[in-house]
Each structure stands twice: as structure tokens, then as C-alpha cells.
Amino acid sequence: MEIKETSYGIVLKNVKHFSPVHIFECGQAFRWNWDGIGYVGIAGNRVIRVSYDGGNVLLENASIEDYGSFWKHYFDMERDYGQVKDALSCDPLLERAMEYGWGIRILNQDPWEALISFIISANNNIPRIKKIIENLAFEFGKKIEWGDRDFYTFPSPADLAGASIEQLMACGCGYRADYIKRTARMVCSGEIQLNEVAKLPYQEAYKALMACPGVGPKVADCVLLFSMGKTEAFPVDVWIKRVMQYFYPESGDTNRQVKEFAWQKFGHLAGFAQQYLFYYARECIR
């Protein structure tokens, strides 16, 4: 892959297994939005637009230094997705799903942002999740200007720990306001140290996250998969259970049975399989 700097950002030339549509429309991140040209998003304190043209990925408002220090890891560019697909291709159904969502990559998001975002996601829909997160960022984050628009960073643990329940509810958090504030306090006090949790084996990290208010099995697995590199994590909710029962009737009747079936079938690559199947199922299941 060749990286070329331009007047507006950088171009990653001849990139394989990368489609912004697939990456940002598979339910793993909530701060990326299509603007008619590409997907504009904010991660950390950086705002970029990501677009794709004939094998080339364009990152506007990014430098080669930014790519090396941040975006390369964020977009999981050091992983060989060809090897992942080869390992999973023994399943004919999954092979079709991978062909359909050929450009999916699992993002390496900030663990704190992922934790709060997926607490908000429980029993919620994506447009509303995005709106709540943007409200929180506007109220408690820091402003970044790019072009003719203002963007806001995700609030810090201290920002949300110091917010009142009423302020959080005014952002649309509803009953999750208490969970968010209590979890933020745990992070601020050091009761849970997310960077240390990320270093733990899957089961220990899973148990640690489950101690946070508002974190159930699905939320814990989302945080582990989308921000802590635990590729064996297989988030299961009502929709994913339906998807698995549709594609694999033998997968079981409970969320736990479905997850254990996925581990037996896909092993340490279960998280990749979940994303390919989730994206493919929206086309297959109406």
C-alpha cells in the first residue's frame, strides 16, 4: 500500500478489504455520518472525511503523521483481512456474507467512548443513539472547527462524572443517565481502569466490564470487540439471535447458547463472523 499526501489530506492507494459504507454502517460506531461525499467523523480530537474511489481510500484533514500515530491503528490497517477471510471461508454461508460485506474492518475505538456509547445503545435505535451522543458531546465536549462546521469531542470521564442526572437526562439519556454517571465515577476513581482491562484475557475483561452499571453481556462484548481487540467477543442481542437462528437453526434458543455456538464454530474469529453476518442479514432478512 502506498500513502500519498495531498493538499486536502492523504490517499491510501490500492487498499484491500476497506469500504467506508461497510465499516460505518455495520453498527460498530456512532459518530460517522455520510455527507454526500464521504463519511465525516470525529475520533479522539481529530475530524476527518473518509471516502473510497477505485481501491484508493481518501482521508481528508489527515496527515501522514496522523495516519501513523492514530488512524492506522483505528482502522485496523495492520491486520491481514485476507487471512481472516481465508480462515472463515470454510463456512459457505459466511463466505457469501464476506463477499457481500467485503470491506468491513473492525475499528479500534477509544474504550471509554465505546463503553458509554454502548451503554446508551441498550434498547435503543441507531438514530437516537447518535443523537444522544452528539448532545453529550455538544454539552460536555470540546469544540473543534473544520471547514465551515463545528464538531465536539466525546466528553471525558470527569465531564460526565461531574454532570448532574438532570443535565444527562436533558441530553436524552433517560434512565441511562444514572448508569452513565455512576460508570464515569468508577473510571474517575480508578475503580475500573479501562486500559488495564484491555490487557486482560477475554473472560477476565468481560467480568470486569460487567461490574459497570448499565453493562450487560451484549454491551460488554461490544466494548471488548470494538475497542479492546478481543476478536473472540460475539455480541448477541435479539436481532443477532434472530440472525443466527435464521442462518444456523442449530445455534440454540438463548443468547448464551448462540454465543457458545459461535465460539465453537468460529473460534477466536467469532467477532469478525458476527460483523459479516450482521451486515449480510439486513439484506437477507426482511
Foldseek 3Di string as FASTA:
>chain_A
DDWDADPFAIKDAQDFQAAQCLAVVLPQDQAWDDDPAATWGDADHAIWGWHDDDRMIGTGPYYPVCCVVPVCQQQVVVDDVVVVLVLQVVDVVLVVLCVVSVNYGQGAGALLVLLLLLLLVVVHDSVLSNQLQQLQQVVAFDWDDDDPDIGGDGHALVSLLPDDLVSSVVSVSPPCSVLSNQQSVCCVVVVDPLVVLLVDPDVSSLVSSVVRPSDDLLSSLSSCRRHSPQQLRARDDPVLVVLCCVVPVPQDDDRVSVSVSLCVNSNSNSNVSNSSSSVVVVVVPD
